[in-house]
Amino acid sequence: MTLDKKSISILSALQENSRMSVRDIAKETRLRPSTVHQRIVRLQKEGVIEKFTIKVNNEAVGESFIVYMLIKTKPN
């Protein structure tokens, strides 16, 4: 799927804050709320948006570190 400027601007707004309302995204992107809603639904159906998620403050939940791992394997 090729994304146009409108879809990219909607995705950008959602990446900054996935809890933004359709109305707030519409104001930020200067699109009609109905257009924003339809595009979000289409982006979900097309698999561009897989899920909406959160970023947890690790200190607030009692975790003091994060581990990133890269695992490379060789094919048999």
Protein backbone atom coordinates (compact mmCIF):
# COMPACT_ATOMS: atom_id res chain seq x y z
CA MET A 1 0.00 0.00 0.00
CA THR A 2 1.33 3.42 -0.92
CA LEU A 3 0.66 6.07 1.70
CA ASP A 4 -0.25 9.62 0.73
CA LYS A 5 0.56 12.76 2.71
CA LYS A 6 -2.76 12.68 4.59
CA SER A 7 -2.27 9.12 5.82
CA ILE A 8 1.34 9.83 6.76
CA SER A 9 0.28 12.87 8.79
CA ILE A 10 -2.36 10.80 10.60
CA LEU A 11 0.18 8.08 11.35
CA SER A 12 2.66 10.66 12.59
CA ALA A 13 0.10 12.10 15.01
CA LEU A 14 -0.78 8.63 16.28
CA GLN A 15 2.89 7.74 16.76
CA GLU A 16 3.33 10.81 18.95
CA ASN A 17 0.22 10.04 21.01
CA SER A 18 -1.90 6.99 20.21
CA ARG A 19 -4.57 8.23 22.63
CA MET A 20 -5.33 11.32 20.54
CA SER A 21 -8.96 11.66 19.66
CA VAL A 22 -10.07 11.70 16.05
CA ARG A 23 -11.14 15.31 16.55
CA ASP A 24 -7.67 16.33 17.82
CA ILE A 25 -5.95 14.52 14.95
CA ALA A 26 -8.30 16.29 12.54
CA LYS A 27 -7.35 19.67 13.99
CA GLU A 28 -3.64 18.88 13.83
CA THR A 29 -3.75 17.53 10.27
CA ARG A 30 -6.39 19.99 9.00
CA LEU A 31 -8.64 17.17 7.82
CA ARG A 32 -12.29 16.51 8.56
CA PRO A 33 -12.89 14.17 11.53
CA SER A 34 -14.86 11.79 9.30
CA THR A 35 -11.91 11.59 6.90
CA VAL A 36 -9.49 10.88 9.76
CA HIS A 37 -11.76 8.15 11.14
CA GLN A 38 -12.20 6.48 7.73
CA ARG A 39 -8.47 6.54 7.08
CA ILE A 40 -7.62 5.07 10.49
CA VAL A 41 -10.10 2.24 9.91
CA ARG A 42 -8.65 1.62 6.43
CA LEU A 43 -5.07 1.70 7.75
CA GLN A 44 -6.03 -0.92 10.33
CA LYS A 45 -7.76 -3.15 7.75
CA GLU A 46 -4.76 -2.88 5.39
CA GLY A 47 -2.38 -3.88 8.19
CA VAL A 48 -0.50 -0.58 8.28
CA ILE A 49 -1.65 -0.05 11.88
CA GLU A 50 -1.19 -3.35 13.68
CA LYS A 51 -2.17 -2.26 17.18
CA PHE A 52 -2.31 0.66 19.57
CA THR A 53 0.01 0.31 22.55
CA ILE A 54 1.53 2.14 25.49
CA LYS A 55 5.00 2.96 26.75
CA VAL A 56 5.30 2.30 30.47
CA ASN A 57 7.45 4.41 32.80
CA ASN A 58 9.75 1.68 34.13
CA GLU A 59 10.55 3.46 37.38
CA ALA A 60 6.85 3.95 38.13
CA VAL A 61 6.22 0.19 37.89
CA GLY A 62 9.32 -0.77 39.88
CA GLU A 63 11.59 -1.84 37.04
CA SER A 64 15.02 -0.23 37.07
CA PHE A 65 16.50 -1.40 33.78
CA ILE A 66 15.71 -2.45 30.23
CA VAL A 67 17.52 -5.14 28.28
CA TYR A 68 17.74 -5.10 24.49
CA MET A 69 18.95 -8.30 22.88
CA LEU A 70 19.98 -9.06 19.33
CA ILE A 71 20.09 -12.73 18.48
CA LYS A 72 21.50 -13.89 15.18
CA THR A 73 21.22 -17.48 14.05
CA LYS A 74 22.71 -19.33 11.15
CA PRO A 75 20.44 -21.41 8.94
CA ASN A 76 21.02 -25.19 9.14
